[in-house]
Amino acid sequence: MSSGYSSVKGGFRMDATPLIIGASLVGVGAMLAMAGALIGGRALVAATRRWMRELEVPPSDVARHKWDQTRAAATASARAWHGHNGAHAGRARS
């Protein structure tokens, strides 16, 4: 077995050197992919932060305003529905 080949019962022989090289290349490729993802992620986060700083109205204020609009619309539609059906809000029908 000094030739770098490993053998299994039945005569199957395989050179282990390409397997070791292949596994090493896969490991190096995975490390390069992680480094690329980290660099790209940092650039994306930096661009997003810069964009948010340049906005006239912060996203939290926009979300709060939209939520207030949604609540007002829901309240108005509930009152309209109760008024249309002859029911008064806060009083159960018997």
Protein backbone atom coordinates (compact mmCIF):
# COMPACT_ATOMS: atom_id res chain seq x y z
CA MET A 1 0.00 0.00 0.00
CA SER A 2 2.93 2.32 -0.32
CA SER A 3 1.77 3.44 -3.77
CA GLY A 4 -1.04 5.66 -2.36
CA TYR A 5 -3.78 3.25 -3.37
CA SER A 6 -6.23 1.87 -0.86
CA SER A 7 -7.83 -1.47 -1.57
CA VAL A 8 -11.03 -3.00 -0.33
CA LYS A 9 -12.00 -6.68 -0.43
CA GLY A 10 -13.05 -7.68 -3.88
CA GLY A 11 -10.27 -5.95 -5.76
CA PHE A 12 -11.62 -2.37 -5.81
CA ARG A 13 -8.64 -0.01 -5.78
CA MET A 14 -8.73 3.74 -5.53
CA ASP A 15 -6.08 6.44 -5.37
CA ALA A 16 -6.69 8.52 -2.22
CA THR A 17 -4.66 11.53 -3.39
CA PRO A 18 -7.36 13.02 -5.68
CA LEU A 19 -9.93 12.63 -2.90
CA ILE A 20 -7.74 14.53 -0.45
CA ILE A 21 -7.04 17.27 -3.00
CA GLY A 22 -10.74 17.49 -3.90
CA ALA A 23 -11.79 17.77 -0.25
CA SER A 24 -9.18 20.47 0.33
CA LEU A 25 -10.41 22.45 -2.67
CA VAL A 26 -14.01 22.18 -1.47
CA GLY A 27 -12.94 23.51 1.94
CA VAL A 28 -11.04 26.42 0.40
CA GLY A 29 -14.00 27.17 -1.87
CA ALA A 30 -16.38 27.20 1.10
CA MET A 31 -14.13 29.64 2.95
CA LEU A 32 -13.98 31.91 -0.13
CA ALA A 33 -17.77 31.78 -0.47
CA MET A 34 -18.22 32.76 3.19
CA ALA A 35 -15.78 35.64 2.80
CA GLY A 36 -17.65 36.83 -0.30
CA ALA A 37 -20.99 36.63 1.50
CA LEU A 38 -19.62 38.63 4.44
CA ILE A 39 -18.16 41.36 2.21
CA GLY A 40 -21.32 41.58 0.12
CA GLY A 41 -23.50 41.63 3.24
CA ARG A 42 -21.52 44.46 4.77
CA ALA A 43 -21.86 46.49 1.57
CA LEU A 44 -25.61 45.87 1.48
CA VAL A 45 -26.07 46.89 5.12
CA ALA A 46 -23.99 50.04 4.61
CA ALA A 47 -26.02 51.02 1.54
CA THR A 48 -29.30 50.41 3.39
CA ARG A 49 -28.20 52.53 6.35
CA ARG A 50 -27.10 55.34 4.04
CA TRP A 51 -30.44 55.20 2.19
CA MET A 52 -32.41 55.30 5.47
CA ARG A 53 -30.43 58.34 6.69
CA GLU A 54 -31.31 60.18 3.47
CA LEU A 55 -35.07 59.62 3.83
CA GLU A 56 -37.17 62.65 4.77
CA VAL A 57 -39.48 60.59 7.01
CA PRO A 58 -38.04 57.69 9.02
CA PRO A 59 -39.55 54.26 8.29
CA SER A 60 -40.81 53.97 11.89
CA ASP A 61 -42.87 57.17 11.43
CA VAL A 62 -44.25 55.92 8.12
CA ALA A 63 -45.23 52.61 9.74
CA ARG A 64 -46.87 54.39 12.69
CA HIS A 65 -48.83 56.66 10.30
CA LYS A 66 -50.00 53.69 8.21
CA TRP A 67 -51.05 51.83 11.36
CA ASP A 68 -53.08 54.86 12.52
CA GLN A 69 -54.73 55.03 9.08
CA THR A 70 -55.55 51.33 9.25
CA ARG A 71 -57.10 51.64 12.72
CA ALA A 72 -59.16 54.66 11.64
CA ALA A 73 -60.42 52.83 8.54
CA ALA A 74 -61.33 49.74 10.57
CA THR A 75 -63.19 51.84 13.13
CA ALA A 76 -65.07 53.76 10.43
CA SER A 77 -66.05 50.58 8.59
CA ALA A 78 -67.23 48.94 11.82
CA ARG A 79 -69.38 51.96 12.65
CA ALA A 80 -70.79 52.01 9.13
CA TRP A 81 -71.56 48.29 9.24
CA HIS A 82 -73.26 48.57 12.63
CA GLY A 83 -75.22 51.61 11.46
CA HIS A 84 -76.32 49.85 8.29
CA ASN A 85 -77.56 46.78 10.22
CA GLY A 86 -79.41 48.85 12.79
CA ALA A 87 -77.06 47.83 15.61
CA HIS A 88 -75.41 50.38 17.83
CA ALA A 89 -71.78 50.01 18.71
CA GLY A 90 -71.41 49.02 22.34
CA ARG A 91 -74.98 47.65 22.66
CA ALA A 92 -75.79 44.01 21.96
CA ARG A 93 -78.90 43.05 20.02
CA SER A 94 -81.42 40.91 21.81
